[in-house]
Amino acid sequence: MSFLSDLEQKITEGHYGPGQRLPSVRSAAKLYGCSVSTITRTYAELEKKHAIYSVPQSGYYVVGKSEEESDIKESTPIDFASALPDINVFPYLDFQHCLNKAIDTYKSQLFTYGDVNGLEKLRYTLSSHLAGDQVFADPKQIVLTSGVQQALGILAKMPFPNGKSVILLEQPSYDIYMRFLEEEGIPVCGIARTADGIDLHELEERFKSGGIKFFYTMSRYHNPLGTTYSVQERKTIARLAGKYNVYIVEDDYMADLGGNLRFDPIYAYNRTSHVVYLKSFSKIVFPGLRLGAVVLPESLLKRFHDCKRYADTSLLSQAALEVYIKNGMYERHKHKISGQYKERIRALNEAVERYNEKGIIGVSNVNSGMYIQFKLPQTVNLERLIKRLAARNIRVVSGKGFYLTTYLKREKFLRISVSRAQPAQIDDGVRAIFEEVGLEVSSPHLT
């Protein structure tokens, strides 16, 4: 972790309190093994962000929080519900620089309709960027879309070379996509995925005789489970796709939140060009950027282009993202945000260990990403539990909406997100959940 990222994290988490003096420039340079000029630049950047201030002949100090900010633990809801990134870690200043640089670099090119596939230079940059995740793709295979949802919509409606029509979805799965498929009347069916994984024998039977056009999967940091497929599961899914001529749509929307964990996606194991790989930038940069990338096998390129038809993604956003990735800012911010989420997951797991002595809640084994599943006893009234938690200023999301409306084999659970749960609030929030679930179990008819 860089000095800047480490210092920002320590200030955010309260290791350096309001008004506290930071290490001198020379002390910090010695501590982090970098040059004095690097420390000076870092302190200057933090001053611009109004995180610290300097006192001549004295040093640098942490900016004091307002009374409202310092009272966050008592006054702010504990948000375990939001799927949006923490607004406090958005790279505003860095991206502003990239927008200005993009305008200087591309000038009038940014104010044309552009290429339906997206900015060519960004596609070449993404080709190198994706290789770091073992997704080796020619720039011609990469298409920029207005968010991943646009790509998912096109894939659902367009014909596939295998001539099949049914979309197979993990259950539970991405709620917004399921509602879209149901509203559009597109043939869908579900297969159970739990915190322990998926039944590969059942998956093979579905691929073999279910008329499956494609299997939509979130291979890592699944929403809402938070879990990741094992290497063996990923390899088997890739093999079955080729064997039965079923396509895989791999939504790797949280690819960048894994820190330094080694992960080869299903795409890397498929040798028959049956995997469509989806990449999102909303969890790392800004949701409002509305940029996604889809890596398509040759057999799907023309059909996808025909359905997309025109360029509808902001060229300025694409150009700024290209600058952001190319100059290393993306990689730096990725490590910063993944480190923060990992710390929050760690804090949540530690709280679970403290309060789950009776094992009344089943907790998925998750060490990074944003989500964890809290599986509840069947006797718990989920709607009542959520209302009781809301009365205690705690926001959670029911697992009910993450299933197809026709799917009956549902688990009863809460999806817990740490993206906007402040570190100082996590223990209190987890304790409250266990207290309320305990009341539900011991007194199932309470009002």
Protein backbone atom coordinates (compact mmCIF):
# COMPACT_ATOMS: atom_id res chain seq x y z
CA MET A 1 0.00 0.00 0.00
CA SER A 2 1.31 3.49 -0.88
CA PHE A 3 1.98 6.15 1.78
CA LEU A 4 -0.99 8.18 0.50
CA SER A 5 -3.42 5.25 0.66
CA ASP A 6 -2.15 4.15 4.07
CA LEU A 7 -2.36 7.64 5.56
CA GLU A 8 -5.85 8.28 4.16
CA GLN A 9 -7.04 4.98 5.57
CA LYS A 10 -5.56 5.72 9.01
CA ILE A 11 -7.23 9.15 9.07
CA THR A 12 -10.57 7.66 7.96
CA GLU A 13 -10.43 4.91 10.59
CA GLY A 14 -9.40 7.30 13.37
CA HIS A 15 -5.79 6.19 13.92
CA TYR A 16 -4.95 9.89 13.55
CA GLY A 17 -7.61 11.95 15.33
CA PRO A 18 -8.76 15.53 14.64
CA GLY A 19 -6.01 18.01 15.48
CA GLN A 20 -3.37 15.30 15.88
CA ARG A 21 0.08 16.07 14.51
CA LEU A 22 1.26 13.79 11.69
CA PRO A 23 4.82 12.44 11.40
CA SER A 24 7.32 15.02 10.14
CA VAL A 25 8.31 14.83 6.48
CA ARG A 26 11.67 13.28 7.31
CA SER A 27 10.20 10.83 9.83
CA ALA A 28 7.53 9.71 7.35
CA ALA A 29 10.14 9.30 4.58
CA LYS A 30 12.21 7.06 6.86
CA LEU A 31 9.17 5.10 8.06
CA TYR A 32 7.83 4.37 4.57
CA GLY A 33 11.18 4.07 2.81
CA CYS A 34 10.50 6.78 0.25
CA SER A 35 11.90 10.19 -0.62
CA VAL A 36 11.22 13.45 1.19
CA SER A 37 9.76 14.87 -2.02
CA THR A 38 7.24 12.00 -2.18
CA ILE A 39 6.06 12.73 1.36
CA THR A 40 5.86 16.46 0.62
CA ARG A 41 3.72 15.82 -2.47
CA THR A 42 1.47 13.47 -0.49
CA TYR A 43 0.90 15.99 2.27
CA ALA A 44 0.16 18.66 -0.37
CA GLU A 45 -2.43 16.38 -1.98
CA LEU A 46 -4.11 15.72 1.37
CA GLU A 47 -4.19 19.48 2.02
CA LYS A 48 -6.05 19.95 -1.28
CA LYS A 49 -8.59 17.38 -0.10
CA HIS A 50 -8.96 19.33 3.16
CA ALA A 51 -7.98 16.22 5.11
CA ILE A 52 -4.97 17.88 6.78
CA TYR A 53 -3.57 21.39 7.29
CA SER A 54 -0.09 22.77 7.84
CA VAL A 55 1.20 25.08 10.57
CA PRO A 56 4.44 26.91 9.64
CA GLN A 57 7.43 25.80 11.72
CA SER A 58 5.24 23.18 13.40
CA GLY A 59 4.08 20.49 10.97
CA TYR A 60 0.97 18.89 9.53
CA TYR A 61 -2.23 18.19 11.45
CA VAL A 62 -5.48 16.30 10.80
CA VAL A 63 -8.44 18.54 10.05
CA GLY A 64 -10.98 18.45 12.88
CA LYS A 65 -14.39 17.06 11.98
CA SER A 66 -17.50 19.08 12.48
CA GLU A 67 -19.77 18.27 15.40
CA GLU A 68 -22.16 16.60 12.97
CA GLU A 69 -19.42 14.39 11.50
CA SER A 70 -17.93 13.44 14.84
CA ASP A 71 -21.36 12.27 16.02
CA ILE A 72 -21.69 9.83 13.11
CA LYS A 73 -21.85 6.75 15.31
CA GLU A 74 -24.91 8.00 17.15
CA SER A 75 -26.79 9.91 14.44
CA THR A 76 -26.11 8.13 11.13
CA PRO A 77 -28.01 4.96 10.20
CA ILE A 78 -25.94 1.79 10.06
CA ASP A 79 -26.23 1.00 6.37
CA PHE A 80 -25.86 -2.71 5.62
CA ALA A 81 -28.24 -2.36 2.65
CA SER A 82 -26.56 -0.17 0.04
CA ALA A 83 -24.94 -1.71 -3.04
CA LEU A 84 -23.33 1.61 -3.98
CA PRO A 85 -19.67 2.38 -3.30
CA ASP A 86 -18.72 4.58 -0.36
CA ILE A 87 -18.93 8.18 -1.62
CA ASN A 88 -16.11 9.09 0.76
CA VAL A 89 -13.60 7.12 -1.32
CA PHE A 90 -14.62 8.37 -4.77
CA PRO A 91 -11.50 9.68 -6.62
CA TYR A 92 -12.94 13.11 -7.39
CA LEU A 93 -9.71 15.08 -7.82
CA ASP A 94 -7.87 12.36 -9.73
CA PHE A 95 -10.74 11.92 -12.16
CA GLN A 96 -11.16 15.65 -12.61
CA HIS A 97 -7.52 15.73 -13.72
CA CYS A 98 -8.22 12.88 -16.15
CA LEU A 99 -11.24 14.67 -17.62
CA ASN A 100 -9.15 17.78 -18.27
CA LYS A 101 -6.32 15.71 -19.74
CA ALA A 102 -8.78 13.82 -21.96
CA ILE A 103 -10.16 17.09 -23.38
CA ASP A 104 -6.63 18.37 -24.05
CA THR A 105 -5.62 15.08 -25.70
CA TYR A 106 -8.65 14.20 -27.80
CA LYS A 107 -10.20 17.65 -28.37
CA SER A 108 -12.81 17.57 -31.15
CA GLN A 109 -12.85 13.74 -31.30
CA LEU A 110 -14.91 13.78 -28.08
CA PHE A 111 -17.78 15.68 -29.64
CA THR A 112 -18.55 13.30 -32.53
CA TYR A 113 -20.85 10.26 -32.47
CA GLY A 114 -17.86 7.95 -32.19
CA ASP A 115 -17.41 4.24 -32.89
CA VAL A 116 -20.24 1.88 -31.94
CA ASN A 117 -17.62 -0.36 -30.27
CA GLY A 118 -16.25 2.46 -28.15
CA LEU A 119 -13.12 4.61 -28.14
CA GLU A 120 -10.41 2.63 -29.93
CA LYS A 121 -7.59 3.74 -27.63
CA LEU A 122 -9.58 2.69 -24.54
CA ARG A 123 -10.24 -0.74 -26.06
CA TYR A 124 -6.50 -1.24 -26.59
CA THR A 125 -5.81 -0.08 -23.04
CA LEU A 126 -8.48 -2.45 -21.72
CA SER A 127 -6.97 -5.32 -23.67
CA SER A 128 -3.76 -4.92 -21.61
CA HIS A 129 -5.68 -4.14 -18.40
CA LEU A 130 -7.87 -7.27 -18.62
CA ALA A 131 -4.83 -9.48 -19.24
CA GLY A 132 -3.97 -8.90 -15.58
CA ASP A 133 -7.10 -10.91 -14.73
CA GLN A 134 -6.20 -13.64 -17.24
CA VAL A 135 -8.72 -12.32 -19.75
CA PHE A 136 -6.72 -12.29 -22.96
CA ALA A 137 -8.71 -10.56 -25.68
CA ASP A 138 -8.05 -8.77 -28.93
CA PRO A 139 -9.28 -5.14 -28.80
CA LYS A 140 -11.70 -6.08 -31.62
CA GLN A 141 -13.48 -8.42 -29.19
CA ILE A 142 -14.09 -5.61 -26.66
CA VAL A 143 -17.20 -3.44 -26.87
CA LEU A 144 -17.86 -0.49 -24.53
CA THR A 145 -21.43 -0.26 -23.28
CA SER A 146 -23.52 2.11 -21.21
CA GLY A 147 -22.96 0.08 -18.07
CA VAL A 148 -23.01 -3.70 -17.82
CA GLN A 149 -26.82 -3.69 -17.74
CA GLN A 150 -26.96 -2.58 -21.37
CA ALA A 151 -24.76 -5.51 -22.38
CA LEU A 152 -26.92 -7.92 -20.36
CA GLY A 153 -30.05 -6.61 -22.05
CA ILE A 154 -28.62 -7.04 -25.54
CA LEU A 155 -27.35 -10.56 -24.78
CA ALA A 156 -30.75 -11.59 -23.42
CA LYS A 157 -32.62 -10.50 -26.55
CA MET A 158 -30.19 -11.38 -29.35
CA PRO A 159 -30.15 -14.83 -31.01
CA PHE A 160 -27.21 -17.12 -30.22
CA PRO A 161 -25.51 -19.52 -32.66
CA ASN A 162 -26.57 -22.56 -30.58
CA GLY A 163 -30.21 -21.85 -31.49
CA LYS A 164 -31.38 -22.20 -27.87
CA SER A 165 -33.60 -19.77 -25.99
CA VAL A 166 -33.60 -20.38 -22.20
CA ILE A 167 -31.41 -18.32 -19.85
CA LEU A 168 -30.21 -20.22 -16.78
CA LEU A 169 -29.70 -18.15 -13.63
CA GLU A 170 -28.11 -18.94 -10.31
CA GLN A 171 -30.62 -18.72 -7.48
CA PRO A 172 -30.26 -16.30 -5.81
CA SER A 173 -28.91 -13.86 -8.40
CA TYR A 174 -28.79 -10.23 -9.58
CA ASP A 175 -32.26 -8.89 -8.78
CA ILE A 176 -32.45 -6.09 -11.39
CA TYR A 177 -31.51 -8.45 -14.22
CA MET A 178 -34.07 -11.06 -13.13
CA ARG A 179 -36.86 -8.47 -13.05
CA PHE A 180 -35.84 -7.29 -16.54
CA LEU A 181 -35.95 -10.84 -17.93
CA GLU A 182 -39.32 -11.56 -16.36
CA GLU A 183 -40.86 -8.29 -17.54
CA GLU A 184 -39.59 -8.88 -21.09
CA GLY A 185 -41.06 -12.40 -21.12
CA ILE A 186 -37.69 -14.01 -21.88
CA PRO A 187 -37.58 -17.75 -21.03
CA VAL A 188 -35.65 -18.24 -17.77
CA CYS A 189 -35.05 -20.97 -15.22
CA GLY A 190 -33.03 -21.21 -12.02
CA ILE A 191 -30.45 -23.47 -10.43
CA ALA A 192 -29.58 -23.34 -6.74
CA ARG A 193 -26.34 -21.74 -5.64
CA THR A 194 -25.61 -21.65 -1.93
CA ALA A 195 -22.72 -20.44 0.21
CA ASP A 196 -21.22 -23.90 -0.38
CA GLY A 197 -21.31 -23.61 -4.17
CA ILE A 198 -23.33 -25.22 -6.97
CA ASP A 199 -24.32 -28.80 -7.79
CA LEU A 200 -22.19 -29.46 -10.88
CA HIS A 201 -24.04 -32.69 -11.72
CA GLU A 202 -27.34 -30.81 -11.84
CA LEU A 203 -25.67 -28.08 -13.90
CA GLU A 204 -24.51 -30.67 -16.43
CA GLU A 205 -28.03 -32.09 -16.70
CA ARG A 206 -29.40 -28.59 -17.35
CA PHE A 207 -26.76 -27.93 -20.00
CA LYS A 208 -27.45 -31.31 -21.58
CA SER A 209 -31.22 -31.19 -21.90
CA GLY A 210 -32.55 -27.80 -20.78
CA GLY A 211 -32.33 -25.88 -24.07
CA ILE A 212 -29.97 -23.42 -22.37
CA LYS A 213 -28.88 -20.43 -24.47
CA PHE A 214 -26.53 -19.14 -21.78
CA PHE A 215 -25.80 -19.50 -18.09
CA TYR A 216 -25.51 -16.17 -16.27
CA THR A 217 -23.07 -16.33 -13.36
CA MET A 218 -21.18 -14.10 -10.97
CA SER A 219 -18.14 -16.31 -10.48
CA ARG A 220 -16.64 -14.21 -7.69
CA TYR A 221 -18.03 -11.93 -4.97
CA HIS A 222 -21.51 -13.10 -5.86
CA ASN A 223 -24.42 -10.74 -5.27
CA PRO A 224 -26.03 -11.47 -2.80
CA LEU A 225 -23.99 -14.38 -1.34
CA GLY A 226 -20.57 -12.72 -1.48
CA THR A 227 -18.92 -16.07 -2.26
CA THR A 228 -16.52 -17.13 -5.03
CA TYR A 229 -16.47 -20.35 -7.04
CA SER A 230 -13.59 -22.74 -6.37
CA VAL A 231 -11.01 -23.34 -9.10
CA GLN A 232 -12.53 -26.76 -9.75
CA GLU A 233 -16.01 -25.30 -10.15
CA ARG A 234 -14.76 -22.67 -12.61
CA LYS A 235 -12.85 -25.26 -14.65
CA THR A 236 -15.84 -27.60 -14.75
CA ILE A 237 -18.26 -24.87 -15.82
CA ALA A 238 -15.89 -23.92 -18.66
CA ARG A 239 -15.58 -27.56 -19.76
CA LEU A 240 -19.35 -28.18 -19.68
CA ALA A 241 -19.98 -25.06 -21.77
CA GLY A 242 -17.87 -26.44 -24.62
CA LYS A 243 -19.20 -29.97 -24.26
CA TYR A 244 -22.88 -29.01 -24.53
CA ASN A 245 -22.62 -25.86 -26.68
CA VAL A 246 -23.96 -23.59 -23.92
CA TYR A 247 -22.59 -20.07 -23.54
CA ILE A 248 -21.49 -18.62 -20.21
CA VAL A 249 -22.12 -14.94 -19.43
CA GLU A 250 -19.60 -14.24 -16.67
CA ASP A 251 -20.40 -11.03 -14.81
CA ASP A 252 -17.12 -10.17 -13.06
CA TYR A 253 -18.51 -6.84 -11.86
CA MET A 254 -16.40 -6.78 -8.68
CA ALA A 255 -13.19 -8.06 -10.23
CA ASP A 256 -11.12 -5.27 -8.71
CA LEU A 257 -12.11 -5.84 -5.07
CA GLY A 258 -10.04 -8.95 -4.53
CA GLY A 259 -6.81 -7.27 -3.51
CA ASN A 260 -3.88 -9.54 -4.28
CA LEU A 261 -5.91 -12.78 -4.27
CA ARG A 262 -5.18 -14.96 -7.29
CA PHE A 263 -8.26 -15.54 -9.44
CA ASP A 264 -8.58 -16.87 -12.95
CA PRO A 265 -12.13 -16.35 -14.25
CA ILE A 266 -14.12 -19.01 -16.12
CA TYR A 267 -13.09 -17.15 -19.29
CA ALA A 268 -9.47 -18.19 -18.75
CA TYR A 269 -10.33 -21.91 -18.69
CA ASN A 270 -12.62 -22.04 -21.72
CA ARG A 271 -10.96 -23.28 -24.92
CA THR A 272 -14.06 -23.33 -27.14
CA SER A 273 -14.95 -19.62 -27.13
CA HIS A 274 -18.19 -20.10 -25.18
CA VAL A 275 -17.64 -17.41 -22.53
CA VAL A 276 -18.78 -13.79 -22.63
CA TYR A 277 -16.88 -11.74 -20.04
CA LEU A 278 -18.40 -8.61 -18.49
CA LYS A 279 -16.41 -5.91 -16.71
CA SER A 280 -17.84 -2.99 -14.73
CA PHE A 281 -16.12 0.16 -13.48
CA SER A 282 -18.90 1.41 -11.19
CA LYS A 283 -17.61 -0.20 -7.98
CA ILE A 284 -14.14 1.35 -8.36
CA VAL A 285 -14.66 4.74 -9.98
CA PHE A 286 -18.21 6.22 -10.02
CA PRO A 287 -21.58 4.48 -10.59
CA GLY A 288 -22.61 7.56 -12.62
CA LEU A 289 -19.79 6.93 -15.09
CA ARG A 290 -22.08 4.31 -16.69
CA LEU A 291 -19.31 2.43 -18.44
CA GLY A 292 -19.01 -1.30 -18.89
CA ALA A 293 -17.00 -3.54 -21.18
CA VAL A 294 -18.03 -6.81 -22.77
CA VAL A 295 -15.51 -9.29 -24.21
CA LEU A 296 -17.22 -11.33 -26.92
CA PRO A 297 -16.23 -14.51 -28.72
CA GLU A 298 -15.96 -14.15 -32.50
CA SER A 299 -19.22 -16.06 -33.01
CA LEU A 300 -21.24 -13.37 -31.21
CA LEU A 301 -19.56 -10.16 -32.41
CA LYS A 302 -21.68 -9.43 -35.50
CA ARG A 303 -24.97 -10.20 -33.79
CA PHE A 304 -24.04 -8.02 -30.80
CA HIS A 305 -23.00 -5.13 -33.10
CA ASP A 306 -26.26 -5.43 -35.06
CA CYS A 307 -28.29 -5.19 -31.84
CA LYS A 308 -26.27 -2.33 -30.37
CA ARG A 309 -26.45 -0.38 -33.65
CA TYR A 310 -25.12 2.98 -32.53
CA ALA A 311 -22.63 4.65 -30.20
CA ASP A 312 -24.47 5.64 -27.04
CA THR A 313 -21.71 5.87 -24.43
CA SER A 314 -20.07 9.20 -23.52
CA LEU A 315 -16.79 9.60 -25.38
CA LEU A 316 -15.58 12.03 -22.72
CA SER A 317 -16.12 9.41 -19.99
CA GLN A 318 -14.33 6.81 -22.10
CA ALA A 319 -11.39 9.10 -22.78
CA ALA A 320 -11.08 10.07 -19.10
CA LEU A 321 -11.18 6.40 -18.08
CA GLU A 322 -8.43 5.62 -20.59
CA VAL A 323 -6.23 8.32 -19.03
CA TYR A 324 -7.16 7.10 -15.52
CA ILE A 325 -6.11 3.52 -16.27
CA LYS A 326 -3.07 4.36 -18.40
CA ASN A 327 -1.35 6.60 -15.84
CA GLY A 328 -1.72 4.17 -12.93
CA MET A 329 -4.42 6.04 -11.00
CA TYR A 330 -6.92 3.22 -11.45
CA GLU A 331 -4.54 0.63 -10.02
CA ARG A 332 -3.70 2.85 -7.05
CA HIS A 333 -7.34 3.56 -6.26
CA LYS A 334 -8.23 -0.12 -6.72
CA HIS A 335 -5.79 -1.14 -3.98
CA LYS A 336 -7.05 1.63 -1.72
CA ILE A 337 -10.74 0.76 -1.99
CA SER A 338 -10.26 -3.02 -1.91
CA GLY A 339 -8.13 -2.62 1.22
CA GLN A 340 -10.84 -0.57 2.91
CA TYR A 341 -13.60 -3.05 2.06
CA LYS A 342 -11.42 -5.94 3.20
CA GLU A 343 -10.94 -4.24 6.58
CA ARG A 344 -14.70 -3.80 6.90
CA ILE A 345 -15.32 -7.46 6.05
CA ARG A 346 -12.69 -8.42 8.65
CA ALA A 347 -14.41 -6.25 11.27
CA LEU A 348 -17.76 -7.81 10.39
CA ASN A 349 -16.40 -11.37 10.64
CA GLU A 350 -14.84 -10.58 14.03
CA ALA A 351 -18.19 -9.22 15.25
CA VAL A 352 -19.92 -12.39 14.03
CA GLU A 353 -17.48 -14.51 16.03
CA ARG A 354 -18.31 -12.48 19.14
CA TYR A 355 -22.09 -12.64 18.87
CA ASN A 356 -22.82 -15.95 17.06
CA GLU A 357 -22.01 -18.27 19.97
CA LYS A 358 -25.24 -20.23 19.50
CA GLY A 359 -24.79 -20.42 15.73
CA ILE A 360 -28.31 -19.17 15.04
CA ILE A 361 -27.21 -17.37 11.86
CA GLY A 362 -25.35 -19.12 9.04
CA VAL A 363 -22.69 -16.77 7.70
CA SER A 364 -21.05 -17.29 4.30
CA ASN A 365 -17.28 -17.65 4.29
CA VAL A 366 -16.20 -14.32 2.79
CA ASN A 367 -12.94 -12.43 3.37
CA SER A 368 -13.08 -9.72 0.70
CA GLY A 369 -15.53 -7.98 -1.60
CA MET A 370 -18.68 -6.22 -0.37
CA TYR A 371 -21.33 -8.79 0.53
CA ILE A 372 -21.94 -11.50 3.12
CA GLN A 373 -25.03 -13.69 3.47
CA PHE A 374 -26.68 -14.00 6.91
CA LYS A 375 -28.79 -17.17 6.57
CA LEU A 376 -31.67 -17.17 9.06
CA PRO A 377 -33.72 -19.90 10.76
CA GLN A 378 -36.98 -20.65 8.92
CA THR A 379 -39.00 -19.58 11.98
CA VAL A 380 -37.84 -15.96 11.63
CA ASN A 381 -40.41 -13.51 10.27
CA LEU A 382 -38.19 -11.66 7.80
CA GLU A 383 -40.42 -8.62 7.23
CA ARG A 384 -40.88 -8.10 10.97
CA LEU A 385 -37.14 -8.49 11.59
CA ILE A 386 -36.31 -5.81 9.02
CA LYS A 387 -38.84 -3.41 10.57
CA ARG A 388 -37.43 -3.99 14.05
CA LEU A 389 -33.90 -3.33 12.80
CA ALA A 390 -35.08 -0.18 11.01
CA ALA A 391 -36.50 1.03 14.32
CA ARG A 392 -32.96 0.69 15.68
CA ASN A 393 -31.60 2.75 12.74
CA ILE A 394 -30.11 -0.28 10.97
CA ARG A 395 -30.75 -0.88 7.27
CA VAL A 396 -30.61 -4.39 5.81
CA VAL A 397 -31.90 -6.08 2.65
CA SER A 398 -34.05 -9.20 2.51
CA GLY A 399 -32.87 -12.07 0.31
CA LYS A 400 -36.40 -12.51 -1.02
CA GLY A 401 -35.95 -10.25 -4.04
CA PHE A 402 -32.89 -12.11 -5.32
CA TYR A 403 -34.95 -15.03 -6.62
CA LEU A 404 -37.09 -15.55 -9.70
CA THR A 405 -40.75 -15.13 -8.77
CA THR A 406 -41.43 -18.74 -9.84
CA TYR A 407 -38.48 -20.24 -7.92
CA LEU A 408 -39.65 -22.04 -4.78
CA LYS A 409 -36.53 -23.51 -3.11
CA ARG A 410 -35.52 -20.28 -1.40
CA GLU A 411 -33.22 -19.74 1.54
CA LYS A 412 -34.26 -17.16 4.13
CA PHE A 413 -31.47 -14.61 4.54
CA LEU A 414 -30.26 -11.04 4.79
CA ARG A 415 -27.73 -9.66 2.33
CA ILE A 416 -25.21 -7.68 4.35
CA SER A 417 -23.19 -5.06 2.47
CA VAL A 418 -20.17 -3.29 3.95
CA SER A 419 -19.69 -0.72 1.19
CA ARG A 420 -21.32 2.09 3.19
CA ALA A 421 -21.12 0.65 6.70
CA GLN A 422 -18.68 2.83 8.59
CA PRO A 423 -15.99 0.82 10.47
CA ALA A 424 -16.97 2.33 13.83
CA GLN A 425 -20.58 1.16 13.36
CA ILE A 426 -20.08 -2.44 12.25
CA ASP A 427 -19.82 -4.07 15.68
CA ASP A 428 -22.96 -2.30 16.96
CA GLY A 429 -24.88 -3.24 13.82
CA VAL A 430 -23.94 -6.92 13.93
CA ARG A 431 -24.73 -7.14 17.64
CA ALA A 432 -28.18 -5.66 17.03
CA ILE A 433 -28.91 -8.14 14.23
CA PHE A 434 -28.04 -11.10 16.48
CA GLU A 435 -30.11 -9.67 19.31
CA GLU A 436 -33.18 -9.25 17.11
CA VAL A 437 -32.80 -12.67 15.46
CA GLY A 438 -32.40 -14.19 18.92
CA LEU A 439 -35.69 -12.57 19.98
CA GLU A 440 -37.39 -13.89 16.85
CA VAL A 441 -36.18 -17.43 17.53
CA SER A 442 -37.07 -17.44 21.24
CA SER A 443 -40.40 -15.63 20.79
CA PRO A 444 -41.63 -16.32 17.22
CA HIS A 445 -45.05 -14.77 17.92
CA LEU A 446 -43.80 -11.45 19.28
CA THR A 447 -45.41 -8.32 17.92
